[in-house]
Amino acid sequence: MSNALRVPAAFFGIVLGLVGLGACWRVGHRIWGTPSAISEGIMMAAIVVWALLVALYVAKWIRCRQEAVSELNHPVQCCFVGLFPVSMMLVAFAVLPYDRLLASTLGAIGALGQLVFSVYRTGTLWTGGRDPLATTPVLYLPTVAGNFVSANLASALGFGDLAALFFGTGLLAWIALESVLMHRLYVHAPLAVPLRPSLGIQLAPAVVGCSAYLSMTHGAPDLVAKGLLGYGLLQGLILLRLLPWIMKQPFAASYWAFTFGLTAIALDTMIFVERGAGGIFPYMAVVLFAIANAGVAVIAAGSIWLVARGRILPAAVPAPAR
């Protein structure tokens, strides 16, 4: 088996972080006059990474089907499969300023794909028998991340009613899953060391939901937008407090789990500024923009270091049930 064909679906999280950072730089160009070449260069890098991952992942299903099926049935890794269609929608965002038809096509395929996967995976979970220790923030990916991104893209394409439906789906799924995850973290054994970077996903629901909400509203940010951002900031502070505990897991590609939420929280605050929010928000925007850039840069540099040493791929995924 070629090692390259063992690429896990979790690697599509790289695209989420890159597009998120590119979106920050696009807003930065509008509010601060930052060079547009930087935002578009990041978006191009995201598209190239996405195309490479798609080619490898499709080849994995063709030539290494047993490992692909094992990943799909794995109690933790399975949810990362939902990042395939989500990353497609984010690539649609990247190309939207240049080709609306291509963006609409990619967006429609991605939205339908995430919905199908969400229904499939959630249906499996509803049949019960799941080990609570396998519960991590990856459960947010099928129903929460997919629907919030769908809402954002539908709004950008002018389908306001569809965006509202997706937003409501993602919001209520997030609220339901939050209680499940908190119960697992509070009362069961600590997360295994290799799973701890997945806590980075915990930052994303509130701030990606805020981004979706902002896409459907106009004018100065309202109480709902500020409340979502505030909850995202709380998650960020908790993760900062836990970072030494999380980092007992040596650096791996799994740390890209932090980047979607990290870039989204910066993006939300920058959009607040663009839409006239004053007070502390202009200062927050600068600080969070800098943190997002530093975080993605460090994780990207670490990933390149792993690639150079042939250590980017995780161990082969076993095939437990559910």
C-alpha atoms as a PDB file:
ATOM      1  CA  MET A   1       0.000   0.000   0.000  1.00  0.00           C
ATOM      2  CA  SER A   2       1.340   3.387  -0.930  1.00  0.00           C
ATOM      3  CA  ASN A   3       1.692   5.518   2.173  1.00  0.00           C
ATOM      4  CA  ALA A   4       0.235   8.510   0.359  1.00  0.00           C
ATOM      5  CA  LEU A   5      -3.044   6.630  -0.110  1.00  0.00           C
ATOM      6  CA  ARG A   6      -3.411   6.331   3.659  1.00  0.00           C
ATOM      7  CA  VAL A   7      -4.289  10.024   3.908  1.00  0.00           C
ATOM      8  CA  PRO A   8      -7.019  10.326   6.578  1.00  0.00           C
ATOM      9  CA  ALA A   9     -10.195  12.345   6.054  1.00  0.00           C
ATOM     10  CA  ALA A  10      -9.112  14.487   9.018  1.00  0.00           C
ATOM     11  CA  PHE A  11      -6.542  16.126   6.729  1.00  0.00           C
ATOM     12  CA  PHE A  12      -9.378  18.047   5.057  1.00  0.00           C
ATOM     13  CA  GLY A  13      -9.276  20.134   8.228  1.00  0.00           C
ATOM     14  CA  ILE A  14      -6.184  21.780   6.745  1.00  0.00           C
ATOM     15  CA  VAL A  15      -8.419  23.303   4.061  1.00  0.00           C
ATOM     16  CA  LEU A  16     -10.775  24.682   6.708  1.00  0.00           C
ATOM     17  CA  GLY A  17      -7.941  26.475   8.464  1.00  0.00           C
ATOM     18  CA  LEU A  18      -6.429  27.875   5.271  1.00  0.00           C
ATOM     19  CA  VAL A  19      -9.710  29.140   3.831  1.00  0.00           C
ATOM     20  CA  GLY A  20     -10.593  30.612   7.223  1.00  0.00           C
ATOM     21  CA  LEU A  21      -7.297  32.507   7.275  1.00  0.00           C
ATOM     22  CA  GLY A  22      -7.759  33.615   3.673  1.00  0.00           C
ATOM     23  CA  ALA A  23     -11.208  34.964   4.570  1.00  0.00           C
ATOM     24  CA  CYS A  24      -9.670  36.956   7.424  1.00  0.00           C
ATOM     25  CA  TRP A  25      -7.207  38.548   5.026  1.00  0.00           C
ATOM     26  CA  ARG A  26     -10.020  39.365   2.589  1.00  0.00           C
ATOM     27  CA  VAL A  27     -11.855  41.257   5.310  1.00  0.00           C
ATOM     28  CA  GLY A  28      -8.538  42.772   6.411  1.00  0.00           C
ATOM     29  CA  HIS A  29      -8.121  44.171   2.905  1.00  0.00           C
ATOM     30  CA  ARG A  30     -11.511  45.859   3.170  1.00  0.00           C
ATOM     31  CA  ILE A  31     -11.090  47.348   6.647  1.00  0.00           C
ATOM     32  CA  TRP A  32      -7.336  47.926   6.917  1.00  0.00           C
ATOM     33  CA  GLY A  33      -6.106  47.868   3.333  1.00  0.00           C
ATOM     34  CA  THR A  34      -3.932  44.774   3.747  1.00  0.00           C
ATOM     35  CA  PRO A  35      -2.572  43.431   0.433  1.00  0.00           C
ATOM     36  CA  SER A  36      -5.173  41.424  -1.460  1.00  0.00           C
ATOM     37  CA  ALA A  37      -2.364  39.290  -2.879  1.00  0.00           C
ATOM     38  CA  ILE A  38      -1.930  37.708   0.551  1.00  0.00           C
ATOM     39  CA  SER A  39      -5.572  36.661   0.900  1.00  0.00           C
ATOM     40  CA  GLU A  40      -5.735  35.309  -2.629  1.00  0.00           C
ATOM     41  CA  GLY A  41      -2.423  33.515  -2.249  1.00  0.00           C
ATOM     42  CA  ILE A  42      -3.705  31.769   0.879  1.00  0.00           C
ATOM     43  CA  MET A  43      -6.925  30.863  -0.909  1.00  0.00           C
ATOM     44  CA  MET A  44      -4.942  29.438  -3.822  1.00  0.00           C
ATOM     45  CA  ALA A  45      -2.848  27.372  -1.428  1.00  0.00           C
ATOM     46  CA  ALA A  46      -6.066  26.058   0.127  1.00  0.00           C
ATOM     47  CA  ILE A  47      -7.427  25.068  -3.292  1.00  0.00           C
ATOM     48  CA  VAL A  48      -4.202  23.258  -4.216  1.00  0.00           C
ATOM     49  CA  VAL A  49      -4.151  21.385  -0.897  1.00  0.00           C
ATOM     50  CA  TRP A  50      -7.823  20.495  -1.309  1.00  0.00           C
ATOM     51  CA  ALA A  51      -7.336  19.185  -4.858  1.00  0.00           C
ATOM     52  CA  LEU A  52      -4.387  17.047  -3.752  1.00  0.00           C
ATOM     53  CA  LEU A  53      -6.315  15.646  -0.796  1.00  0.00           C
ATOM     54  CA  VAL A  54      -9.356  14.875  -2.950  1.00  0.00           C
ATOM     55  CA  ALA A  55      -7.200  12.969  -5.416  1.00  0.00           C
ATOM     56  CA  LEU A  56      -5.527  10.966  -2.644  1.00  0.00           C
ATOM     57  CA  TYR A  57      -8.737  10.311  -0.739  1.00  0.00           C
ATOM     58  CA  VAL A  58     -10.637   9.124  -3.809  1.00  0.00           C
ATOM     59  CA  ALA A  59      -7.685   6.885  -4.707  1.00  0.00           C
ATOM     60  CA  LYS A  60      -7.769   5.526  -1.170  1.00  0.00           C
ATOM     61  CA  TRP A  61     -11.375   4.408  -1.657  1.00  0.00           C
ATOM     62  CA  ILE A  62     -10.468   2.795  -4.975  1.00  0.00           C
ATOM     63  CA  ARG A  63      -7.187   1.102  -4.106  1.00  0.00           C
ATOM     64  CA  CYS A  64      -7.256   0.786  -0.298  1.00  0.00           C
ATOM     65  CA  ARG A  65     -10.951   0.303   0.246  1.00  0.00           C
ATOM     66  CA  GLN A  66     -10.627  -1.753   3.427  1.00  0.00           C
ATOM     67  CA  GLU A  67      -8.772   1.029   5.224  1.00  0.00           C
ATOM     68  CA  ALA A  68     -11.258   3.633   3.955  1.00  0.00           C
ATOM     69  CA  VAL A  69     -14.175   1.552   5.238  1.00  0.00           C
ATOM     70  CA  SER A  70     -12.417   1.037   8.562  1.00  0.00           C
ATOM     71  CA  GLU A  71     -12.084   4.802   8.896  1.00  0.00           C
ATOM     72  CA  LEU A  72     -15.757   5.300   8.051  1.00  0.00           C
ATOM     73  CA  ASN A  73     -16.746   2.802  10.769  1.00  0.00           C
ATOM     74  CA  HIS A  74     -14.313   4.085  13.377  1.00  0.00           C
ATOM     75  CA  PRO A  75     -16.082   5.677  16.396  1.00  0.00           C
ATOM     76  CA  VAL A  76     -13.890   8.805  16.267  1.00  0.00           C
ATOM     77  CA  GLN A  77     -12.313   9.058  12.814  1.00  0.00           C
ATOM     78  CA  CYS A  78     -15.665   8.511  11.072  1.00  0.00           C
ATOM     79  CA  CYS A  79     -16.862  12.052  11.743  1.00  0.00           C
ATOM     80  CA  PHE A  80     -13.874  13.538   9.933  1.00  0.00           C
ATOM     81  CA  VAL A  81     -15.261  12.071   6.699  1.00  0.00           C
ATOM     82  CA  GLY A  82     -17.807  14.882   6.882  1.00  0.00           C
ATOM     83  CA  LEU A  83     -14.975  17.349   6.302  1.00  0.00           C
ATOM     84  CA  PHE A  84     -14.741  16.200   2.677  1.00  0.00           C
ATOM     85  CA  PRO A  85     -17.976  17.959   1.623  1.00  0.00           C
ATOM     86  CA  VAL A  86     -17.437  20.805   4.099  1.00  0.00           C
ATOM     87  CA  SER A  87     -14.037  21.543   2.566  1.00  0.00           C
ATOM     88  CA  MET A  88     -15.689  21.578  -0.856  1.00  0.00           C
ATOM     89  CA  MET A  89     -18.047  24.327   0.310  1.00  0.00           C
ATOM     90  CA  LEU A  90     -15.138  26.335   1.662  1.00  0.00           C
ATOM     91  CA  VAL A  91     -13.353  26.031  -1.673  1.00  0.00           C
ATOM     92  CA  ALA A  92     -16.574  27.407  -3.160  1.00  0.00           C
ATOM     93  CA  PHE A  93     -16.100  30.470  -0.939  1.00  0.00           C
ATOM     94  CA  ALA A  94     -12.551  30.811  -2.212  1.00  0.00           C
ATOM     95  CA  VAL A  95     -13.584  30.823  -5.883  1.00  0.00           C
ATOM     96  CA  LEU A  96     -16.854  32.778  -5.508  1.00  0.00           C
ATOM     97  CA  PRO A  97     -15.333  36.182  -6.381  1.00  0.00           C
ATOM     98  CA  TYR A  98     -14.007  34.716  -9.629  1.00  0.00           C
ATOM     99  CA  ASP A  99     -16.584  32.199 -10.857  1.00  0.00           C
ATOM    100  CA  ARG A 100     -20.085  32.172  -9.386  1.00  0.00           C
ATOM    101  CA  LEU A 101     -21.176  29.142 -11.438  1.00  0.00           C
ATOM    102  CA  LEU A 102     -18.252  27.031 -10.239  1.00  0.00           C
ATOM    103  CA  ALA A 103     -18.795  28.195  -6.659  1.00  0.00           C
ATOM    104  CA  SER A 104     -22.508  27.377  -6.880  1.00  0.00           C
ATOM    105  CA  THR A 105     -21.783  23.920  -8.293  1.00  0.00           C
ATOM    106  CA  LEU A 106     -19.182  23.072  -5.664  1.00  0.00           C
ATOM    107  CA  GLY A 107     -21.403  24.513  -2.965  1.00  0.00           C
ATOM    108  CA  ALA A 108     -24.444  22.501  -4.010  1.00  0.00           C
ATOM    109  CA  ILE A 109     -22.470  19.251  -4.147  1.00  0.00           C
ATOM    110  CA  GLY A 110     -20.824  20.003  -0.809  1.00  0.00           C
ATOM    111  CA  ALA A 111     -24.078  20.965   0.941  1.00  0.00           C
ATOM    112  CA  LEU A 112     -25.854  17.876  -0.336  1.00  0.00           C
ATOM    113  CA  GLY A 113     -22.869  15.702   0.561  1.00  0.00           C
ATOM    114  CA  GLN A 114     -22.640  16.976   4.125  1.00  0.00           C
ATOM    115  CA  LEU A 115     -26.384  16.520   4.588  1.00  0.00           C
ATOM    116  CA  VAL A 116     -26.291  12.943   3.326  1.00  0.00           C
ATOM    117  CA  PHE A 117     -23.316  12.089   5.523  1.00  0.00           C
ATOM    118  CA  SER A 118     -24.887  13.818   8.525  1.00  0.00           C
ATOM    119  CA  VAL A 119     -28.083  11.797   8.177  1.00  0.00           C
ATOM    120  CA  TYR A 120     -26.141   8.563   7.632  1.00  0.00           C
ATOM    121  CA  ARG A 121     -23.796   8.995  10.581  1.00  0.00           C
ATOM    122  CA  THR A 122     -26.391  10.363  12.994  1.00  0.00           C
ATOM    123  CA  GLY A 123     -28.713   7.504  12.137  1.00  0.00           C
ATOM    124  CA  THR A 124     -25.964   5.090  13.140  1.00  0.00           C
ATOM    125  CA  LEU A 125     -25.409   6.931  16.416  1.00  0.00           C
ATOM    126  CA  TRP A 126     -29.121   6.805  17.254  1.00  0.00           C
ATOM    127  CA  THR A 127     -29.023   3.002  17.295  1.00  0.00           C
ATOM    128  CA  GLY A 128     -27.011   3.170  20.543  1.00  0.00           C
ATOM    129  CA  GLY A 129     -24.224   1.051  21.983  1.00  0.00           C
ATOM    130  CA  ARG A 130     -21.568   3.763  21.762  1.00  0.00           C
ATOM    131  CA  ASP A 131     -18.661   3.793  24.213  1.00  0.00           C
ATOM    132  CA  PRO A 132     -18.775   7.180  26.013  1.00  0.00           C
ATOM    133  CA  LEU A 133     -14.976   7.307  25.948  1.00  0.00           C
ATOM    134  CA  ALA A 134     -15.128   7.582  22.149  1.00  0.00           C
ATOM    135  CA  THR A 135     -17.100  10.833  22.440  1.00  0.00           C
ATOM    136  CA  THR A 136     -15.032  13.873  21.466  1.00  0.00           C
ATOM    137  CA  PRO A 137     -15.770  17.216  19.764  1.00  0.00           C
ATOM    138  CA  VAL A 138     -15.512  15.456  16.385  1.00  0.00           C
ATOM    139  CA  LEU A 139     -19.229  14.739  16.840  1.00  0.00           C
ATOM    140  CA  TYR A 140     -19.851  18.378  15.950  1.00  0.00           C
ATOM    141  CA  LEU A 141     -18.471  17.933  12.454  1.00  0.00           C
ATOM    142  CA  PRO A 142     -21.355  16.185  10.642  1.00  0.00           C
ATOM    143  CA  THR A 143     -24.383  18.096  11.939  1.00  0.00           C
ATOM    144  CA  VAL A 144     -22.977  21.357  13.294  1.00  0.00           C
ATOM    145  CA  ALA A 145     -20.007  22.365  11.138  1.00  0.00           C
ATOM    146  CA  GLY A 146     -21.615  21.101   7.939  1.00  0.00           C
ATOM    147  CA  ASN A 147     -24.862  22.986   8.466  1.00  0.00           C
ATOM    148  CA  PHE A 148     -23.290  26.236   9.670  1.00  0.00           C
ATOM    149  CA  VAL A 149     -20.984  26.323   6.638  1.00  0.00           C
ATOM    150  CA  SER A 150     -23.949  25.479   4.391  1.00  0.00           C
ATOM    151  CA  ALA A 151     -25.878  28.387   5.920  1.00  0.00           C
ATOM    152  CA  ASN A 152     -22.991  30.778   5.329  1.00  0.00           C
ATOM    153  CA  LEU A 153     -22.533  29.717   1.723  1.00  0.00           C
ATOM    154  CA  ALA A 154     -26.274  29.711   0.951  1.00  0.00           C
ATOM    155  CA  SER A 155     -26.474  33.258   2.257  1.00  0.00           C
ATOM    156  CA  ALA A 156     -23.470  34.336   0.180  1.00  0.00           C
ATOM    157  CA  LEU A 157     -25.190  32.917  -2.909  1.00  0.00           C
ATOM    158  CA  GLY A 158     -28.439  34.735  -2.129  1.00  0.00           C
ATOM    159  CA  PHE A 159     -30.565  31.860  -0.816  1.00  0.00           C
ATOM    160  CA  GLY A 160     -31.679  33.428   2.436  1.00  0.00           C
ATOM    161  CA  ASP A 161     -34.457  30.990   3.349  1.00  0.00           C
ATOM    162  CA  LEU A 162     -32.209  28.000   2.727  1.00  0.00           C
ATOM    163  CA  ALA A 163     -29.499  29.630   4.829  1.00  0.00           C
ATOM    164  CA  ALA A 164     -31.964  30.034   7.707  1.00  0.00           C
ATOM    165  CA  LEU A 165     -32.920  26.357   7.542  1.00  0.00           C
ATOM    166  CA  PHE A 166     -29.298  25.266   7.645  1.00  0.00           C
ATOM    167  CA  PHE A 167     -28.532  27.709  10.456  1.00  0.00           C
ATOM    168  CA  GLY A 168     -31.352  26.414  12.631  1.00  0.00           C
ATOM    169  CA  THR A 169     -30.275  22.840  12.017  1.00  0.00           C
ATOM    170  CA  GLY A 170     -26.691  23.556  13.007  1.00  0.00           C
ATOM    171  CA  LEU A 171     -27.670  25.634  16.031  1.00  0.00           C
ATOM    172  CA  LEU A 172     -30.007  23.068  17.585  1.00  0.00           C
ATOM    173  CA  ALA A 173     -27.637  20.191  16.791  1.00  0.00           C
ATOM    174  CA  TRP A 174     -24.862  22.115  18.555  1.00  0.00           C
ATOM    175  CA  ILE A 175     -26.966  22.708  21.664  1.00  0.00           C
ATOM    176  CA  ALA A 176     -27.953  19.039  21.825  1.00  0.00           C
ATOM    177  CA  LEU A 177     -24.432  17.723  21.314  1.00  0.00           C
ATOM    178  CA  GLU A 178     -22.848  20.223  23.695  1.00  0.00           C
ATOM    179  CA  SER A 179     -24.590  18.602  26.659  1.00  0.00           C
ATOM    180  CA  VAL A 180     -23.511  15.126  25.538  1.00  0.00           C
ATOM    181  CA  LEU A 181     -19.901  16.202  25.180  1.00  0.00           C
ATOM    182  CA  MET A 182     -19.807  18.115  28.464  1.00  0.00           C
ATOM    183  CA  HIS A 183     -21.206  15.111  30.312  1.00  0.00           C
ATOM    184  CA  ARG A 184     -18.502  12.898  28.826  1.00  0.00           C
ATOM    185  CA  LEU A 185     -15.707  15.358  29.708  1.00  0.00           C
ATOM    186  CA  TYR A 186     -16.985  16.001  33.219  1.00  0.00           C
ATOM    187  CA  VAL A 187     -17.733  12.503  34.486  1.00  0.00           C
ATOM    188  CA  HIS A 188     -15.733   9.980  32.451  1.00  0.00           C
ATOM    189  CA  ALA A 189     -12.019   9.259  32.206  1.00  0.00           C
ATOM    190  CA  PRO A 190      -9.812  11.992  30.707  1.00  0.00           C
ATOM    191  CA  LEU A 191      -9.405  12.024  26.948  1.00  0.00           C
ATOM    192  CA  ALA A 192      -6.638   9.743  25.754  1.00  0.00           C
ATOM    193  CA  VAL A 193      -3.516  11.750  24.925  1.00  0.00           C
ATOM    194  CA  PRO A 194      -3.742  11.248  21.121  1.00  0.00           C
ATOM    195  CA  LEU A 195      -7.349  12.513  21.169  1.00  0.00           C
ATOM    196  CA  ARG A 196      -6.693  15.703  23.114  1.00  0.00           C
ATOM    197  CA  PRO A 197      -5.975  17.951  20.104  1.00  0.00           C
ATOM    198  CA  SER A 198      -9.534  17.224  18.966  1.00  0.00           C
ATOM    199  CA  LEU A 199     -10.630  19.589  21.749  1.00  0.00           C
ATOM    200  CA  GLY A 200      -9.578  22.373  19.382  1.00  0.00           C
ATOM    201  CA  ILE A 201     -12.835  21.712  17.541  1.00  0.00           C
ATOM    202  CA  GLN A 202     -14.675  22.900  20.669  1.00  0.00           C
ATOM    203  CA  LEU A 203     -13.795  26.477  19.730  1.00  0.00           C
ATOM    204  CA  ALA A 204     -15.553  26.263  16.369  1.00  0.00           C
ATOM    205  CA  PRO A 205     -19.340  25.849  16.888  1.00  0.00           C
ATOM    206  CA  ALA A 206     -20.020  29.217  18.534  1.00  0.00           C
ATOM    207  CA  VAL A 207     -17.811  31.273  16.247  1.00  0.00           C
ATOM    208  CA  VAL A 208     -18.662  29.468  13.001  1.00  0.00           C
ATOM    209  CA  GLY A 209     -22.306  29.795  14.032  1.00  0.00           C
ATOM    210  CA  CYS A 210     -21.690  33.494  14.616  1.00  0.00           C
ATOM    211  CA  SER A 211     -20.204  33.778  11.121  1.00  0.00           C
ATOM    212  CA  ALA A 212     -23.282  32.087   9.654  1.00  0.00           C
ATOM    213  CA  TYR A 213     -25.565  34.379  11.638  1.00  0.00           C
ATOM    214  CA  LEU A 214     -23.680  37.469  10.489  1.00  0.00           C
ATOM    215  CA  SER A 215     -24.009  36.333   6.883  1.00  0.00           C
ATOM    216  CA  MET A 216     -27.809  36.407   7.239  1.00  0.00           C
ATOM    217  CA  THR A 217     -28.079  39.758   8.982  1.00  0.00           C
ATOM    218  CA  HIS A 218     -27.179  43.340   8.178  1.00  0.00           C
ATOM    219  CA  GLY A 219     -26.004  46.411  10.033  1.00  0.00           C
ATOM    220  CA  ALA A 220     -24.263  46.607  13.368  1.00  0.00           C
ATOM    221  CA  PRO A 221     -23.823  43.261  15.156  1.00  0.00           C
ATOM    222  CA  ASP A 222     -26.744  42.560  17.479  1.00  0.00           C
ATOM    223  CA  LEU A 223     -27.053  40.845  20.853  1.00  0.00           C
ATOM    224  CA  VAL A 224     -27.174  37.344  19.329  1.00  0.00           C
ATOM    225  CA  ALA A 225     -23.963  37.853  17.340  1.00  0.00           C
ATOM    226  CA  LYS A 226     -22.178  39.309  20.352  1.00  0.00           C
ATOM    227  CA  GLY A 227     -23.413  36.488  22.567  1.00  0.00           C
ATOM    228  CA  LEU A 228     -22.141  33.824  20.175  1.00  0.00           C
ATOM    229  CA  LEU A 229     -18.780  35.561  19.935  1.00  0.00           C
ATOM    230  CA  GLY A 230     -18.637  35.833  23.730  1.00  0.00           C
ATOM    231  CA  TYR A 231     -19.213  32.107  24.160  1.00  0.00           C
ATOM    232  CA  GLY A 232     -16.528  31.435  21.578  1.00  0.00           C
ATOM    233  CA  LEU A 233     -14.108  33.627  23.522  1.00  0.00           C
ATOM    234  CA  LEU A 234     -14.882  31.630  26.668  1.00  0.00           C
ATOM    235  CA  GLN A 235     -14.092  28.393  24.833  1.00  0.00           C
ATOM    236  CA  GLY A 236     -10.840  29.910  23.650  1.00  0.00           C
ATOM    237  CA  LEU A 237      -9.821  30.851  27.177  1.00  0.00           C
ATOM    238  CA  ILE A 238     -10.637  27.374  28.480  1.00  0.00           C
ATOM    239  CA  LEU A 239      -8.570  25.813  25.701  1.00  0.00           C
ATOM    240  CA  LEU A 240      -5.711  28.178  26.511  1.00  0.00           C
ATOM    241  CA  ARG A 241      -5.867  27.018  30.125  1.00  0.00           C
ATOM    242  CA  LEU A 242      -5.804  23.380  28.942  1.00  0.00           C
ATOM    243  CA  LEU A 243      -3.057  23.823  26.353  1.00  0.00           C
ATOM    244  CA  PRO A 244      -0.243  22.292  28.483  1.00  0.00           C
ATOM    245  CA  TRP A 245      -2.492  19.258  29.112  1.00  0.00           C
ATOM    246  CA  ILE A 246      -3.409  18.983  25.426  1.00  0.00           C
ATOM    247  CA  MET A 247       0.207  19.351  24.333  1.00  0.00           C
ATOM    248  CA  LYS A 248       1.189  16.172  26.126  1.00  0.00           C
ATOM    249  CA  GLN A 249       0.361  14.830  22.683  1.00  0.00           C
ATOM    250  CA  PRO A 250       3.462  15.639  20.595  1.00  0.00           C
ATOM    251  CA  PHE A 251       2.816  17.826  17.587  1.00  0.00           C
ATOM    252  CA  ALA A 252       0.869  16.079  14.832  1.00  0.00           C
ATOM    253  CA  ALA A 253      -1.434  17.048  11.974  1.00  0.00           C
ATOM    254  CA  SER A 254      -4.316  16.669  14.446  1.00  0.00           C
ATOM    255  CA  TYR A 255      -3.496  20.157  15.754  1.00  0.00           C
ATOM    256  CA  TRP A 256      -5.167  21.586  12.622  1.00  0.00           C
ATOM    257  CA  ALA A 257      -8.367  20.982  14.629  1.00  0.00           C
ATOM    258  CA  PHE A 258      -7.708  24.348  16.284  1.00  0.00           C
ATOM    259  CA  THR A 259      -7.451  26.373  13.088  1.00  0.00           C
ATOM    260  CA  PHE A 260     -11.065  26.590  11.899  1.00  0.00           C
ATOM    261  CA  GLY A 261     -12.267  28.022  15.191  1.00  0.00           C
ATOM    262  CA  LEU A 262      -9.167  30.170  15.593  1.00  0.00           C
ATOM    263  CA  THR A 263      -9.642  31.832  12.206  1.00  0.00           C
ATOM    264  CA  ALA A 264     -13.423  32.076  12.608  1.00  0.00           C
ATOM    265  CA  ILE A 265     -13.174  33.981  15.901  1.00  0.00           C
ATOM    266  CA  ALA A 266     -10.825  36.483  14.261  1.00  0.00           C
ATOM    267  CA  LEU A 267     -13.052  36.717  11.188  1.00  0.00           C
ATOM    268  CA  ASP A 268     -16.175  37.390  13.265  1.00  0.00           C
ATOM    269  CA  THR A 269     -14.509  40.206  15.182  1.00  0.00           C
ATOM    270  CA  MET A 270     -13.181  41.745  11.967  1.00  0.00           C
ATOM    271  CA  ILE A 271     -16.670  41.623  10.442  1.00  0.00           C
ATOM    272  CA  PHE A 272     -17.954  43.347  13.585  1.00  0.00           C
ATOM    273  CA  VAL A 273     -15.517  46.180  12.867  1.00  0.00           C
ATOM    274  CA  GLU A 274     -16.448  46.274   9.185  1.00  0.00           C
ATOM    275  CA  ARG A 275     -20.090  46.641  10.186  1.00  0.00           C
ATOM    276  CA  GLY A 276     -19.467  49.547  12.531  1.00  0.00           C
ATOM    277  CA  ALA A 277     -18.856  47.970  15.942  1.00  0.00           C
ATOM    278  CA  GLY A 278     -16.756  50.232  18.127  1.00  0.00           C
ATOM    279  CA  GLY A 279     -15.560  50.067  21.704  1.00  0.00           C
ATOM    280  CA  ILE A 280     -13.282  47.106  22.353  1.00  0.00           C
ATOM    281  CA  PHE A 281     -13.965  45.357  19.038  1.00  0.00           C
ATOM    282  CA  PRO A 282     -11.415  47.199  16.828  1.00  0.00           C
ATOM    283  CA  TYR A 283      -8.692  46.301  19.340  1.00  0.00           C
ATOM    284  CA  MET A 284      -9.924  42.719  19.655  1.00  0.00           C
ATOM    285  CA  ALA A 285      -9.919  42.371  15.885  1.00  0.00           C
ATOM    286  CA  VAL A 286      -6.241  43.304  15.623  1.00  0.00           C
ATOM    287  CA  VAL A 287      -5.214  40.984  18.451  1.00  0.00           C
ATOM    288  CA  LEU A 288      -7.282  38.014  17.270  1.00  0.00           C
ATOM    289  CA  PHE A 289      -6.156  38.500  13.661  1.00  0.00           C
ATOM    290  CA  ALA A 290      -2.530  38.361  14.820  1.00  0.00           C
ATOM    291  CA  ILE A 291      -3.197  35.280  16.968  1.00  0.00           C
ATOM    292  CA  ALA A 292      -4.965  33.505  14.101  1.00  0.00           C
ATOM    293  CA  ASN A 293      -2.067  34.178  11.740  1.00  0.00           C
ATOM    294  CA  ALA A 294       0.503  33.055  14.286  1.00  0.00           C
ATOM    295  CA  GLY A 295      -1.450  29.909  15.159  1.00  0.00           C
ATOM    296  CA  VAL A 296      -1.939  28.804  11.564  1.00  0.00           C
ATOM    297  CA  ALA A 297       1.670  29.655  10.698  1.00  0.00           C
ATOM    298  CA  VAL A 298       3.043  27.562  13.570  1.00  0.00           C
ATOM    299  CA  ILE A 299       0.805  24.589  12.773  1.00  0.00           C
ATOM    300  CA  ALA A 300       1.566  24.835   9.044  1.00  0.00           C
ATOM    301  CA  ALA A 301       5.311  25.017   9.726  1.00  0.00           C
ATOM    302  CA  GLY A 302       5.080  22.013  12.037  1.00  0.00           C
ATOM    303  CA  SER A 303       3.165  20.077   9.399  1.00  0.00           C
ATOM    304  CA  ILE A 304       5.765  20.866   6.743  1.00  0.00           C
ATOM    305  CA  TRP A 305       8.419  19.668   9.185  1.00  0.00           C
ATOM    306  CA  LEU A 306       6.533  16.378   9.612  1.00  0.00           C
ATOM    307  CA  VAL A 307       6.165  15.977   5.848  1.00  0.00           C
ATOM    308  CA  ALA A 308       9.891  16.538   5.356  1.00  0.00           C
ATOM    309  CA  ARG A 309      10.599  13.741   7.837  1.00  0.00           C
ATOM    310  CA  GLY A 310       7.976  11.382   6.483  1.00  0.00           C
ATOM    311  CA  ARG A 311       5.985  11.485   9.734  1.00  0.00           C
ATOM    312  CA  ILE A 312       2.832  13.324   8.703  1.00  0.00           C
ATOM    313  CA  LEU A 313       0.604  10.246   8.438  1.00  0.00           C
ATOM    314  CA  PRO A 314      -0.895   8.700  11.570  1.00  0.00           C
ATOM    315  CA  ALA A 315      -0.843   5.007  12.350  1.00  0.00           C
ATOM    316  CA  ALA A 316      -3.215   2.818  10.387  1.00  0.00           C
ATOM    317  CA  VAL A 317      -6.814   2.999  11.621  1.00  0.00           C
ATOM    318  CA  PRO A 318      -8.167  -0.227  13.186  1.00  0.00           C
ATOM    319  CA  ALA A 319     -11.719  -1.307  12.502  1.00  0.00           C
ATOM    320  CA  PRO A 320     -13.789  -1.246  15.707  1.00  0.00           C
ATOM    321  CA  ALA A 321     -17.557  -1.281  15.486  1.00  0.00           C
ATOM    322  CA  ARG A 322     -19.745   1.830  15.431  1.00  0.00           C
END
